[in-house]
Amino acid sequence: MVVSSKLGNIVPLYLIYGTETFLMNEWKDSIISNTLIEENIDFNLSQYDLEETPIEQAVEDAETLPFLGEKKVVVLKNPVFLTSDKTKEKVEHNVKVLEKYLESPSPYSVMIFIANYEKLDERKKITKLLKKNAKVFEAKKLNDDELKNWIKEKVEKDSFTITNEAIELFISLVGPNLTMLSQEIDKIKLFLNEGTINPKIVHNLVSKSLEQNVFTLVDFVVKKDIKKAIELYHDLLKVNEDPIKLVAILANQFRMIYQTKAYLQKGYTNQQIATYLKVHPFRIKLAAQQSKSFSHEELLTIMNDLADADYALKTGKGKREYILEMFLLKLSQK
């Protein structure tokens, strides 16, 4: 997953597509930095939004000689003509011009297509032609092992190492969001300067996301530690978290636990469940562990109680701060 090793030699055409925006930006930035020297970037880097600009204008730019340098980079965002989406485009694209260019790209230009779409239309001639002639990177959500390797490689790019336990805790605290993970890793590196990142360092320095705090809240309930659950809830109130928002995230978490439990009993794997529910496999792994503490009936009751709490919060029935606390107390008794 190291970008530089996956990049290889610079080629005239790149297609980067998928839904993992962080990886897409990482690959794009790596291509640019490996093609242009910093002082020439302002002169020889062009970026076009194809929802606003016709493709033939970008092709014309790619065919123009670079200024004060050997290469130029042309970045093309939102190439909707590669998909089957039926959209009312603001501009018309002469795709024939692009087809001709793809057959014989300019030797002094690097063209990068950034297609932030889950799927491309493989039936289209332009898609087939681009995939045939370009170096293709698919930026999809990382599975559990890929995520751990990504963290390890990100940490070890400098004079650092990280233990496997610290990696597990990192994911547990931050979740699978690559942008947030990257920010937290950079923060720890800045604090330490060098050395080994262990669980204690991660626990002390990593910021917990709201979703992770809610997961911890659920975990306290699972372990029947209502005192810690209510303490955490009060901490979230102190930083002005809205009880309505907390109830919504709790409801989503328990719904995922319920669905995971149902799918597991039907023989589905964690990876299959993650695909069906469109969430990261790591979330399903955690939900599967928590589902063991509840029956189907208990989970249905909990979701109904959360719906009641949501209604009470939105209609002003009772003091807002106490409604979720009463839910937690009631849940602990079950």
C-alpha atoms as a PDB file:
ATOM      1  CA  MET A   1       0.000   0.000   0.000  1.00  0.00           C
ATOM      2  CA  VAL A   2       3.025   2.308   0.039  1.00  0.00           C
ATOM      3  CA  VAL A   3       2.206   4.836  -2.658  1.00  0.00           C
ATOM      4  CA  SER A   4       5.708   5.312  -4.058  1.00  0.00           C
ATOM      5  CA  SER A   5       6.320   1.573  -4.535  1.00  0.00           C
ATOM      6  CA  LYS A   6       2.931   1.065  -6.138  1.00  0.00           C
ATOM      7  CA  LEU A   7       3.466   4.077  -8.411  1.00  0.00           C
ATOM      8  CA  GLY A   8       6.449   2.743 -10.367  1.00  0.00           C
ATOM      9  CA  ASN A   9       7.685   4.661 -13.414  1.00  0.00           C
ATOM     10  CA  ILE A  10       5.713   7.742 -14.472  1.00  0.00           C
ATOM     11  CA  VAL A  11       3.486   7.107 -17.512  1.00  0.00           C
ATOM     12  CA  PRO A  12       1.453   9.528 -19.711  1.00  0.00           C
ATOM     13  CA  LEU A  13      -2.017   8.395 -18.545  1.00  0.00           C
ATOM     14  CA  TYR A  14      -3.492   7.561 -15.135  1.00  0.00           C
ATOM     15  CA  LEU A  15      -6.983   6.580 -14.079  1.00  0.00           C
ATOM     16  CA  ILE A  16      -7.709   6.810 -10.346  1.00  0.00           C
ATOM     17  CA  TYR A  17     -11.231   5.784  -9.413  1.00  0.00           C
ATOM     18  CA  GLY A  18     -13.174   4.594  -6.373  1.00  0.00           C
ATOM     19  CA  THR A  19     -14.687   5.891  -3.151  1.00  0.00           C
ATOM     20  CA  GLU A  20     -11.669   6.148  -0.820  1.00  0.00           C
ATOM     21  CA  THR A  21     -10.924   9.832  -1.340  1.00  0.00           C
ATOM     22  CA  PHE A  22      -7.822   9.866   0.868  1.00  0.00           C
ATOM     23  CA  LEU A  23      -6.073   7.204  -1.231  1.00  0.00           C
ATOM     24  CA  MET A  24      -7.110   8.946  -4.460  1.00  0.00           C
ATOM     25  CA  ASN A  25      -5.563  12.214  -3.299  1.00  0.00           C
ATOM     26  CA  GLU A  26      -2.467  10.403  -2.031  1.00  0.00           C
ATOM     27  CA  TRP A  27      -1.864   8.750  -5.422  1.00  0.00           C
ATOM     28  CA  LYS A  28      -2.580  11.980  -7.318  1.00  0.00           C
ATOM     29  CA  ASP A  29      -0.165  14.005  -5.141  1.00  0.00           C
ATOM     30  CA  SER A  30       2.502  11.325  -5.484  1.00  0.00           C
ATOM     31  CA  ILE A  31       2.246  11.354  -9.289  1.00  0.00           C
ATOM     32  CA  ILE A  32       2.524  15.144  -9.333  1.00  0.00           C
ATOM     33  CA  SER A  33       5.502  15.262  -6.937  1.00  0.00           C
ATOM     34  CA  ASN A  34       7.305  12.548  -8.934  1.00  0.00           C
ATOM     35  CA  THR A  35       6.692  14.383 -12.226  1.00  0.00           C
ATOM     36  CA  LEU A  36       7.238  18.060 -11.442  1.00  0.00           C
ATOM     37  CA  ILE A  37       9.840  19.855  -9.369  1.00  0.00           C
ATOM     38  CA  GLU A  38       8.330  22.192  -6.795  1.00  0.00           C
ATOM     39  CA  GLU A  39       9.339  25.458  -8.490  1.00  0.00           C
ATOM     40  CA  ASN A  40       7.602  24.419 -11.737  1.00  0.00           C
ATOM     41  CA  ILE A  41       4.290  23.310 -10.258  1.00  0.00           C
ATOM     42  CA  ASP A  42       2.624  26.716 -10.684  1.00  0.00           C
ATOM     43  CA  PHE A  43       3.542  26.759 -14.374  1.00  0.00           C
ATOM     44  CA  ASN A  44       2.990  23.159 -15.359  1.00  0.00           C
ATOM     45  CA  LEU A  45       0.082  21.855 -13.280  1.00  0.00           C
ATOM     46  CA  SER A  46      -3.445  22.309 -14.641  1.00  0.00           C
ATOM     47  CA  GLN A  47      -6.635  21.048 -12.991  1.00  0.00           C
ATOM     48  CA  TYR A  48     -10.019  20.869 -14.714  1.00  0.00           C
ATOM     49  CA  ASP A  49     -13.483  20.098 -13.384  1.00  0.00           C
ATOM     50  CA  LEU A  50     -15.181  18.301 -16.265  1.00  0.00           C
ATOM     51  CA  GLU A  51     -18.579  19.333 -14.934  1.00  0.00           C
ATOM     52  CA  GLU A  52     -17.544  22.880 -15.858  1.00  0.00           C
ATOM     53  CA  THR A  53     -14.993  22.476 -18.675  1.00  0.00           C
ATOM     54  CA  PRO A  54     -15.251  20.548 -21.990  1.00  0.00           C
ATOM     55  CA  ILE A  55     -12.750  17.718 -22.363  1.00  0.00           C
ATOM     56  CA  GLU A  56     -11.353  19.125 -25.604  1.00  0.00           C
ATOM     57  CA  GLN A  57     -10.024  22.174 -23.698  1.00  0.00           C
ATOM     58  CA  ALA A  58      -8.102  19.897 -21.323  1.00  0.00           C
ATOM     59  CA  VAL A  59      -6.753  17.845 -24.243  1.00  0.00           C
ATOM     60  CA  GLU A  60      -5.566  21.018 -25.961  1.00  0.00           C
ATOM     61  CA  ASP A  61      -3.718  21.962 -22.776  1.00  0.00           C
ATOM     62  CA  ALA A  62      -2.078  18.516 -22.622  1.00  0.00           C
ATOM     63  CA  GLU A  63      -0.882  18.922 -26.209  1.00  0.00           C
ATOM     64  CA  THR A  64       0.719  22.306 -25.444  1.00  0.00           C
ATOM     65  CA  LEU A  65       4.435  22.300 -24.585  1.00  0.00           C
ATOM     66  CA  PRO A  66       5.289  22.738 -20.882  1.00  0.00           C
ATOM     67  CA  PHE A  67       6.683  26.060 -19.678  1.00  0.00           C
ATOM     68  CA  LEU A  68      10.151  26.035 -18.081  1.00  0.00           C
ATOM     69  CA  GLY A  69      10.230  22.273 -17.628  1.00  0.00           C
ATOM     70  CA  GLU A  70      10.261  18.892 -19.343  1.00  0.00           C
ATOM     71  CA  LYS A  71       6.816  17.734 -18.226  1.00  0.00           C
ATOM     72  CA  LYS A  72       3.379  19.061 -17.392  1.00  0.00           C
ATOM     73  CA  VAL A  73       0.517  17.456 -15.442  1.00  0.00           C
ATOM     74  CA  VAL A  74      -3.162  17.790 -16.367  1.00  0.00           C
ATOM     75  CA  VAL A  75      -5.635  16.641 -13.691  1.00  0.00           C
ATOM     76  CA  LEU A  76      -9.214  15.902 -14.802  1.00  0.00           C
ATOM     77  CA  LYS A  77     -11.874  15.653 -12.102  1.00  0.00           C
ATOM     78  CA  ASN A  78     -15.470  14.386 -12.411  1.00  0.00           C
ATOM     79  CA  PRO A  79     -15.216  12.530 -15.759  1.00  0.00           C
ATOM     80  CA  VAL A  80     -18.882  11.544 -15.611  1.00  0.00           C
ATOM     81  CA  PHE A  81     -18.759  10.292 -19.212  1.00  0.00           C
ATOM     82  CA  LEU A  82     -16.917   7.227 -17.843  1.00  0.00           C
ATOM     83  CA  THR A  83     -20.024   6.206 -15.887  1.00  0.00           C
ATOM     84  CA  SER A  84     -23.584   5.227 -16.685  1.00  0.00           C
ATOM     85  CA  ASP A  85     -24.951   8.140 -14.626  1.00  0.00           C
ATOM     86  CA  LYS A  86     -27.713  10.087 -16.339  1.00  0.00           C
ATOM     87  CA  THR A  87     -26.909  13.657 -15.372  1.00  0.00           C
ATOM     88  CA  LYS A  88     -27.774  17.001 -16.877  1.00  0.00           C
ATOM     89  CA  GLU A  89     -24.289  18.141 -17.772  1.00  0.00           C
ATOM     90  CA  LYS A  90     -23.530  21.854 -17.922  1.00  0.00           C
ATOM     91  CA  VAL A  91     -21.106  21.276 -20.793  1.00  0.00           C
ATOM     92  CA  GLU A  92     -20.953  18.971 -23.796  1.00  0.00           C
ATOM     93  CA  HIS A  93     -17.854  16.832 -24.213  1.00  0.00           C
ATOM     94  CA  ASN A  94     -16.414  15.893 -27.582  1.00  0.00           C
ATOM     95  CA  VAL A  95     -15.310  12.449 -26.402  1.00  0.00           C
ATOM     96  CA  LYS A  96     -13.941  11.647 -29.884  1.00  0.00           C
ATOM     97  CA  VAL A  97     -11.161  14.171 -29.237  1.00  0.00           C
ATOM     98  CA  LEU A  98     -10.249  12.353 -26.031  1.00  0.00           C
ATOM     99  CA  GLU A  99     -10.377   8.947 -27.744  1.00  0.00           C
ATOM    100  CA  LYS A 100      -7.872  10.165 -30.332  1.00  0.00           C
ATOM    101  CA  TYR A 101      -5.593  11.537 -27.585  1.00  0.00           C
ATOM    102  CA  LEU A 102      -5.689   8.294 -25.588  1.00  0.00           C
ATOM    103  CA  GLU A 103      -4.446   6.383 -28.628  1.00  0.00           C
ATOM    104  CA  SER A 104      -1.399   8.636 -28.842  1.00  0.00           C
ATOM    105  CA  PRO A 105      -0.884  10.731 -25.663  1.00  0.00           C
ATOM    106  CA  SER A 106       1.551  13.629 -25.577  1.00  0.00           C
ATOM    107  CA  PRO A 107       5.051  12.470 -24.492  1.00  0.00           C
ATOM    108  CA  TYR A 108       5.592  15.619 -22.402  1.00  0.00           C
ATOM    109  CA  SER A 109       2.270  15.519 -20.514  1.00  0.00           C
ATOM    110  CA  VAL A 110       0.901  13.369 -17.700  1.00  0.00           C
ATOM    111  CA  MET A 111      -2.904  13.234 -17.674  1.00  0.00           C
ATOM    112  CA  ILE A 112      -4.625  12.062 -14.477  1.00  0.00           C
ATOM    113  CA  PHE A 113      -8.327  11.176 -14.410  1.00  0.00           C
ATOM    114  CA  ILE A 114      -9.859  11.422 -10.911  1.00  0.00           C
ATOM    115  CA  ALA A 115     -13.134   9.482 -11.002  1.00  0.00           C
ATOM    116  CA  ASN A 116     -14.745   9.541  -7.565  1.00  0.00           C
ATOM    117  CA  TYR A 117     -17.230   6.798  -8.474  1.00  0.00           C
ATOM    118  CA  GLU A 118     -17.672   3.279  -7.128  1.00  0.00           C
ATOM    119  CA  LYS A 119     -18.113   1.831 -10.631  1.00  0.00           C
ATOM    120  CA  LEU A 120     -17.298   2.843 -14.193  1.00  0.00           C
ATOM    121  CA  ASP A 121     -19.333   1.872 -17.249  1.00  0.00           C
ATOM    122  CA  GLU A 122     -17.195  -0.899 -18.734  1.00  0.00           C
ATOM    123  CA  ARG A 123     -19.442  -1.059 -21.809  1.00  0.00           C
ATOM    124  CA  LYS A 124     -18.402   2.366 -23.052  1.00  0.00           C
ATOM    125  CA  LYS A 125     -15.670   2.640 -25.654  1.00  0.00           C
ATOM    126  CA  ILE A 126     -14.016   5.554 -23.854  1.00  0.00           C
ATOM    127  CA  THR A 127     -13.816   3.581 -20.577  1.00  0.00           C
ATOM    128  CA  LYS A 128     -12.316   0.544 -22.313  1.00  0.00           C
ATOM    129  CA  LEU A 129      -9.806   2.705 -24.158  1.00  0.00           C
ATOM    130  CA  LEU A 130      -8.731   4.559 -21.023  1.00  0.00           C
ATOM    131  CA  LYS A 131      -8.325   1.360 -19.011  1.00  0.00           C
ATOM    132  CA  LYS A 132      -6.306  -0.172 -21.842  1.00  0.00           C
ATOM    133  CA  ASN A 133      -3.875   2.736 -22.181  1.00  0.00           C
ATOM    134  CA  ALA A 134      -3.678   4.144 -18.649  1.00  0.00           C
ATOM    135  CA  LYS A 135      -2.177   2.945 -15.415  1.00  0.00           C
ATOM    136  CA  VAL A 136      -5.221   2.219 -13.249  1.00  0.00           C
ATOM    137  CA  PHE A 137      -5.562   2.584  -9.475  1.00  0.00           C
ATOM    138  CA  GLU A 138      -8.776   1.534  -7.753  1.00  0.00           C
ATOM    139  CA  ALA A 139      -9.221   3.335  -4.428  1.00  0.00           C
ATOM    140  CA  LYS A 140     -11.599   1.067  -2.540  1.00  0.00           C
ATOM    141  CA  LYS A 141     -12.198   0.768   1.193  1.00  0.00           C
ATOM    142  CA  LEU A 142      -9.404  -1.172   2.886  1.00  0.00           C
ATOM    143  CA  ASN A 143     -10.197  -4.434   4.632  1.00  0.00           C
ATOM    144  CA  ASP A 144      -8.968  -5.116   8.183  1.00  0.00           C
ATOM    145  CA  ASP A 145      -5.534  -6.475   7.184  1.00  0.00           C
ATOM    146  CA  GLU A 146      -4.983  -3.780   4.533  1.00  0.00           C
ATOM    147  CA  LEU A 147      -5.877  -1.095   7.080  1.00  0.00           C
ATOM    148  CA  LYS A 148      -3.346  -2.450   9.580  1.00  0.00           C
ATOM    149  CA  ASN A 149      -0.644  -2.608   6.885  1.00  0.00           C
ATOM    150  CA  TRP A 150      -1.484   0.944   5.793  1.00  0.00           C
ATOM    151  CA  ILE A 151      -1.016   2.236   9.365  1.00  0.00           C
ATOM    152  CA  LYS A 152       2.258   0.306   9.738  1.00  0.00           C
ATOM    153  CA  GLU A 153       3.626   1.672   6.462  1.00  0.00           C
ATOM    154  CA  LYS A 154       2.463   5.210   7.243  1.00  0.00           C
ATOM    155  CA  VAL A 155       4.243   5.085  10.624  1.00  0.00           C
ATOM    156  CA  GLU A 156       7.437   3.533   9.260  1.00  0.00           C
ATOM    157  CA  LYS A 157       7.917   6.127   6.511  1.00  0.00           C
ATOM    158  CA  ASP A 158       9.975   8.049   9.104  1.00  0.00           C
ATOM    159  CA  SER A 159      12.179   6.889  11.997  1.00  0.00           C
ATOM    160  CA  PHE A 160       9.322   5.150  13.823  1.00  0.00           C
ATOM    161  CA  THR A 161       7.988   1.696  14.525  1.00  0.00           C
ATOM    162  CA  ILE A 162       4.627   0.635  15.951  1.00  0.00           C
ATOM    163  CA  THR A 163       3.548  -2.473  17.846  1.00  0.00           C
ATOM    164  CA  ASN A 164       0.679  -4.665  16.644  1.00  0.00           C
ATOM    165  CA  GLU A 165      -1.217  -3.896  19.858  1.00  0.00           C
ATOM    166  CA  ALA A 166      -0.860  -0.168  19.196  1.00  0.00           C
ATOM    167  CA  ILE A 167      -2.216  -0.628  15.655  1.00  0.00           C
ATOM    168  CA  GLU A 168      -5.266  -2.469  17.022  1.00  0.00           C
ATOM    169  CA  LEU A 169      -5.871   0.287  19.574  1.00  0.00           C
ATOM    170  CA  PHE A 170      -5.407   2.965  16.886  1.00  0.00           C
ATOM    171  CA  ILE A 171      -8.211   1.465  14.796  1.00  0.00           C
ATOM    172  CA  SER A 172     -10.364   0.913  17.861  1.00  0.00           C
ATOM    173  CA  LEU A 173     -10.081   4.572  18.925  1.00  0.00           C
ATOM    174  CA  VAL A 174     -10.195   6.330  15.551  1.00  0.00           C
ATOM    175  CA  GLY A 175     -12.033   3.887  13.291  1.00  0.00           C
ATOM    176  CA  PRO A 176     -11.213   3.168   9.632  1.00  0.00           C
ATOM    177  CA  ASN A 177     -11.225   6.797   8.412  1.00  0.00           C
ATOM    178  CA  LEU A 178      -7.847   7.217   6.646  1.00  0.00           C
ATOM    179  CA  THR A 179      -7.860  11.011   6.881  1.00  0.00           C
ATOM    180  CA  MET A 180      -8.354  10.943  10.658  1.00  0.00           C
ATOM    181  CA  LEU A 181      -5.841   8.112  11.085  1.00  0.00           C
ATOM    182  CA  SER A 182      -3.263  10.042   9.069  1.00  0.00           C
ATOM    183  CA  GLN A 183      -3.783  13.183  11.152  1.00  0.00           C
ATOM    184  CA  GLU A 184      -3.411  11.265  14.419  1.00  0.00           C
ATOM    185  CA  ILE A 185      -0.258   9.473  13.208  1.00  0.00           C
ATOM    186  CA  ASP A 186       1.283  12.793  12.159  1.00  0.00           C
ATOM    187  CA  LYS A 187       0.389  14.276  15.556  1.00  0.00           C
ATOM    188  CA  ILE A 188       2.109  11.430  17.424  1.00  0.00           C
ATOM    189  CA  LYS A 189       5.206  11.692  15.217  1.00  0.00           C
ATOM    190  CA  LEU A 190       5.416  15.411  15.935  1.00  0.00           C
ATOM    191  CA  PHE A 191       5.182  14.750  19.662  1.00  0.00           C
ATOM    192  CA  LEU A 192       7.693  11.860  19.784  1.00  0.00           C
ATOM    193  CA  ASN A 193      10.243  12.817  17.093  1.00  0.00           C
ATOM    194  CA  GLU A 194      11.329   9.141  16.890  1.00  0.00           C
ATOM    195  CA  GLY A 195      10.940   5.738  18.538  1.00  0.00           C
ATOM    196  CA  THR A 196       8.312   3.041  18.964  1.00  0.00           C
ATOM    197  CA  ILE A 197       4.606   3.819  19.208  1.00  0.00           C
ATOM    198  CA  ASN A 198       3.049   1.582  21.866  1.00  0.00           C
ATOM    199  CA  PRO A 199      -0.536   1.283  23.192  1.00  0.00           C
ATOM    200  CA  LYS A 200       0.130   3.682  26.085  1.00  0.00           C
ATOM    201  CA  ILE A 201       1.250   6.424  23.679  1.00  0.00           C
ATOM    202  CA  VAL A 202      -1.772   5.831  21.434  1.00  0.00           C
ATOM    203  CA  HIS A 203      -4.170   5.901  24.383  1.00  0.00           C
ATOM    204  CA  ASN A 204      -2.685   9.145  25.750  1.00  0.00           C
ATOM    205  CA  LEU A 205      -2.353  11.066  22.485  1.00  0.00           C
ATOM    206  CA  VAL A 206      -5.042   9.907  20.067  1.00  0.00           C
ATOM    207  CA  SER A 207      -8.272  11.896  19.884  1.00  0.00           C
ATOM    208  CA  LYS A 208     -11.422   9.780  20.011  1.00  0.00           C
ATOM    209  CA  SER A 209     -14.117  10.376  17.392  1.00  0.00           C
ATOM    210  CA  LEU A 210     -17.723  10.904  18.485  1.00  0.00           C
ATOM    211  CA  GLU A 211     -18.656   7.565  16.900  1.00  0.00           C
ATOM    212  CA  GLN A 212     -15.869   5.857  18.841  1.00  0.00           C
ATOM    213  CA  ASN A 213     -17.056   7.449  22.093  1.00  0.00           C
ATOM    214  CA  VAL A 214     -20.544   6.130  21.378  1.00  0.00           C
ATOM    215  CA  PHE A 215     -19.080   2.683  20.655  1.00  0.00           C
ATOM    216  CA  THR A 216     -17.292   2.855  24.030  1.00  0.00           C
ATOM    217  CA  LEU A 217     -20.610   3.873  25.584  1.00  0.00           C
ATOM    218  CA  VAL A 218     -22.231   0.745  24.123  1.00  0.00           C
ATOM    219  CA  ASP A 219     -19.267  -1.349  25.283  1.00  0.00           C
ATOM    220  CA  PHE A 220     -19.696  -0.113  28.859  1.00  0.00           C
ATOM    221  CA  VAL A 221     -23.356  -1.113  28.687  1.00  0.00           C
ATOM    222  CA  VAL A 222     -22.433  -4.549  27.300  1.00  0.00           C
ATOM    223  CA  LYS A 223     -20.076  -5.003  30.264  1.00  0.00           C
ATOM    224  CA  LYS A 224     -22.799  -3.767  32.662  1.00  0.00           C
ATOM    225  CA  ASP A 225     -20.559  -0.866  33.748  1.00  0.00           C
ATOM    226  CA  ILE A 226     -23.312   1.732  33.918  1.00  0.00           C
ATOM    227  CA  LYS A 227     -21.245   4.058  36.113  1.00  0.00           C
ATOM    228  CA  LYS A 228     -18.608   4.509  33.384  1.00  0.00           C
ATOM    229  CA  ALA A 229     -21.318   4.745  30.707  1.00  0.00           C
ATOM    230  CA  ILE A 230     -23.008   7.658  32.479  1.00  0.00           C
ATOM    231  CA  GLU A 231     -19.638   9.320  33.219  1.00  0.00           C
ATOM    232  CA  LEU A 232     -18.786   9.185  29.508  1.00  0.00           C
ATOM    233  CA  TYR A 233     -22.236  10.525  28.616  1.00  0.00           C
ATOM    234  CA  HIS A 234     -21.711  13.481  30.987  1.00  0.00           C
ATOM    235  CA  ASP A 235     -18.264  14.105  29.449  1.00  0.00           C
ATOM    236  CA  LEU A 236     -19.883  14.291  25.996  1.00  0.00           C
ATOM    237  CA  LEU A 237     -22.467  16.768  27.313  1.00  0.00           C
ATOM    238  CA  LYS A 238     -19.644  18.929  28.710  1.00  0.00           C
ATOM    239  CA  VAL A 239     -18.208  19.319  25.201  1.00  0.00           C
ATOM    240  CA  ASN A 240     -21.684  20.312  23.932  1.00  0.00           C
ATOM    241  CA  GLU A 241     -22.587  17.109  22.115  1.00  0.00           C
ATOM    242  CA  ASP A 242     -26.285  17.152  21.293  1.00  0.00           C
ATOM    243  CA  PRO A 243     -28.312  14.343  22.984  1.00  0.00           C
ATOM    244  CA  ILE A 244     -30.385  13.999  19.794  1.00  0.00           C
ATOM    245  CA  LYS A 245     -27.205  13.335  17.807  1.00  0.00           C
ATOM    246  CA  LEU A 246     -26.011  10.838  20.441  1.00  0.00           C
ATOM    247  CA  VAL A 247     -29.327   8.967  20.322  1.00  0.00           C
ATOM    248  CA  ALA A 248     -29.135   8.803  16.506  1.00  0.00           C
ATOM    249  CA  ILE A 249     -25.604   7.342  16.573  1.00  0.00           C
ATOM    250  CA  LEU A 250     -26.581   4.900  19.340  1.00  0.00           C
ATOM    251  CA  ALA A 251     -29.577   3.792  17.281  1.00  0.00           C
ATOM    252  CA  ASN A 252     -27.332   3.212  14.241  1.00  0.00           C
ATOM    253  CA  GLN A 253     -24.893   1.198  16.361  1.00  0.00           C
ATOM    254  CA  PHE A 254     -27.584  -1.040  17.850  1.00  0.00           C
ATOM    255  CA  ARG A 255     -29.218  -1.463  14.439  1.00  0.00           C
ATOM    256  CA  MET A 256     -25.871  -2.633  13.082  1.00  0.00           C
ATOM    257  CA  ILE A 257     -25.471  -5.040  16.010  1.00  0.00           C
ATOM    258  CA  TYR A 258     -28.971  -6.428  15.340  1.00  0.00           C
ATOM    259  CA  GLN A 259     -28.376  -6.839  11.601  1.00  0.00           C
ATOM    260  CA  THR A 260     -24.935  -8.378  12.172  1.00  0.00           C
ATOM    261  CA  LYS A 261     -26.362 -10.904  14.625  1.00  0.00           C
ATOM    262  CA  ALA A 262     -29.101 -11.869  12.147  1.00  0.00           C
ATOM    263  CA  TYR A 263     -26.657 -12.288   9.244  1.00  0.00           C
ATOM    264  CA  LEU A 264     -24.177 -14.282  11.352  1.00  0.00           C
ATOM    265  CA  GLN A 265     -26.902 -16.731  12.318  1.00  0.00           C
ATOM    266  CA  LYS A 266     -27.600 -17.242   8.608  1.00  0.00           C
ATOM    267  CA  GLY A 267     -23.961 -18.179   8.038  1.00  0.00           C
ATOM    268  CA  TYR A 268     -22.662 -14.958   6.474  1.00  0.00           C
ATOM    269  CA  THR A 269     -19.022 -13.920   7.020  1.00  0.00           C
ATOM    270  CA  ASN A 270     -18.019 -10.538   8.464  1.00  0.00           C
ATOM    271  CA  GLN A 271     -16.782  -9.459   5.015  1.00  0.00           C
ATOM    272  CA  GLN A 272     -20.097 -10.389   3.367  1.00  0.00           C
ATOM    273  CA  ILE A 273     -22.052  -8.528   6.050  1.00  0.00           C
ATOM    274  CA  ALA A 274     -19.846  -5.459   5.600  1.00  0.00           C
ATOM    275  CA  THR A 275     -20.566  -5.540   1.860  1.00  0.00           C
ATOM    276  CA  TYR A 276     -24.338  -5.850   2.363  1.00  0.00           C
ATOM    277  CA  LEU A 277     -24.481  -3.111   5.014  1.00  0.00           C
ATOM    278  CA  LYS A 278     -21.930  -0.923   3.175  1.00  0.00           C
ATOM    279  CA  VAL A 279     -19.744  -0.348   6.236  1.00  0.00           C
ATOM    280  CA  HIS A 280     -16.103  -1.105   6.979  1.00  0.00           C
ATOM    281  CA  PRO A 281     -15.383  -4.745   7.991  1.00  0.00           C
ATOM    282  CA  PHE A 282     -13.783  -3.475  11.204  1.00  0.00           C
ATOM    283  CA  ARG A 283     -17.152  -2.086  12.325  1.00  0.00           C
ATOM    284  CA  ILE A 284     -18.788  -5.454  11.669  1.00  0.00           C
ATOM    285  CA  LYS A 285     -16.052  -7.213  13.627  1.00  0.00           C
ATOM    286  CA  LEU A 286     -16.834  -5.031  16.659  1.00  0.00           C
ATOM    287  CA  ALA A 287     -20.604  -5.368  16.187  1.00  0.00           C
ATOM    288  CA  ALA A 288     -20.244  -9.179  16.020  1.00  0.00           C
ATOM    289  CA  GLN A 289     -18.427  -9.186  19.361  1.00  0.00           C
ATOM    290  CA  GLN A 290     -21.082  -6.988  20.986  1.00  0.00           C
ATOM    291  CA  SER A 291     -23.988  -8.971  19.512  1.00  0.00           C
ATOM    292  CA  LYS A 292     -23.092 -11.946  21.711  1.00  0.00           C
ATOM    293  CA  SER A 293     -24.323 -10.030  24.765  1.00  0.00           C
ATOM    294  CA  PHE A 294     -27.878  -9.511  23.443  1.00  0.00           C
ATOM    295  CA  SER A 295     -30.749 -11.629  22.199  1.00  0.00           C
ATOM    296  CA  HIS A 296     -32.774 -10.543  19.143  1.00  0.00           C
ATOM    297  CA  GLU A 297     -35.646  -9.581  21.422  1.00  0.00           C
ATOM    298  CA  GLU A 298     -33.400  -7.434  23.643  1.00  0.00           C
ATOM    299  CA  LEU A 299     -31.993  -5.617  20.623  1.00  0.00           C
ATOM    300  CA  LEU A 300     -35.489  -4.925  19.253  1.00  0.00           C
ATOM    301  CA  THR A 301     -36.542  -3.545  22.654  1.00  0.00           C
ATOM    302  CA  ILE A 302     -33.431  -1.345  22.801  1.00  0.00           C
ATOM    303  CA  MET A 303     -34.134   0.087  19.327  1.00  0.00           C
ATOM    304  CA  ASN A 304     -37.755   0.806  20.332  1.00  0.00           C
ATOM    305  CA  ASP A 305     -36.541   2.520  23.524  1.00  0.00           C
ATOM    306  CA  LEU A 306     -34.136   4.652  21.484  1.00  0.00           C
ATOM    307  CA  ALA A 307     -36.980   5.612  19.144  1.00  0.00           C
ATOM    308  CA  ASP A 308     -38.987   6.682  22.209  1.00  0.00           C
ATOM    309  CA  ALA A 309     -36.000   8.677  23.500  1.00  0.00           C
ATOM    310  CA  ASP A 310     -35.602  10.361  20.118  1.00  0.00           C
ATOM    311  CA  TYR A 311     -39.314  11.304  20.099  1.00  0.00           C
ATOM    312  CA  ALA A 312     -39.129  12.654  23.662  1.00  0.00           C
ATOM    313  CA  LEU A 313     -36.056  14.765  22.823  1.00  0.00           C
ATOM    314  CA  LYS A 314     -37.615  16.220  19.684  1.00  0.00           C
ATOM    315  CA  THR A 315     -40.973  16.991  21.325  1.00  0.00           C
ATOM    316  CA  GLY A 316     -39.539  18.439  24.547  1.00  0.00           C
ATOM    317  CA  LYS A 317     -40.942  15.762  26.864  1.00  0.00           C
ATOM    318  CA  GLY A 318     -38.712  15.914  29.919  1.00  0.00           C
ATOM    319  CA  LYS A 319     -35.328  17.520  30.539  1.00  0.00           C
ATOM    320  CA  ARG A 320     -33.077  16.848  27.531  1.00  0.00           C
ATOM    321  CA  GLU A 321     -30.000  15.829  29.546  1.00  0.00           C
ATOM    322  CA  TYR A 322     -31.912  13.196  31.534  1.00  0.00           C
ATOM    323  CA  ILE A 323     -33.705  11.383  28.705  1.00  0.00           C
ATOM    324  CA  LEU A 324     -30.655   9.496  27.413  1.00  0.00           C
ATOM    325  CA  GLU A 325     -29.399   8.948  30.970  1.00  0.00           C
ATOM    326  CA  MET A 326     -32.714   7.263  31.856  1.00  0.00           C
ATOM    327  CA  PHE A 327     -32.341   5.067  28.759  1.00  0.00           C
ATOM    328  CA  LEU A 328     -28.881   3.977  29.941  1.00  0.00           C
ATOM    329  CA  LEU A 329     -30.164   3.211  33.450  1.00  0.00           C
ATOM    330  CA  LYS A 330     -33.060   1.222  32.022  1.00  0.00           C
ATOM    331  CA  LEU A 331     -30.702  -0.648  29.690  1.00  0.00           C
ATOM    332  CA  SER A 332     -28.337  -1.584  32.513  1.00  0.00           C
ATOM    333  CA  GLN A 333     -31.231  -3.172  34.422  1.00  0.00           C
ATOM    334  CA  LYS A 334     -31.973  -5.418  31.446  1.00  0.00           C
END
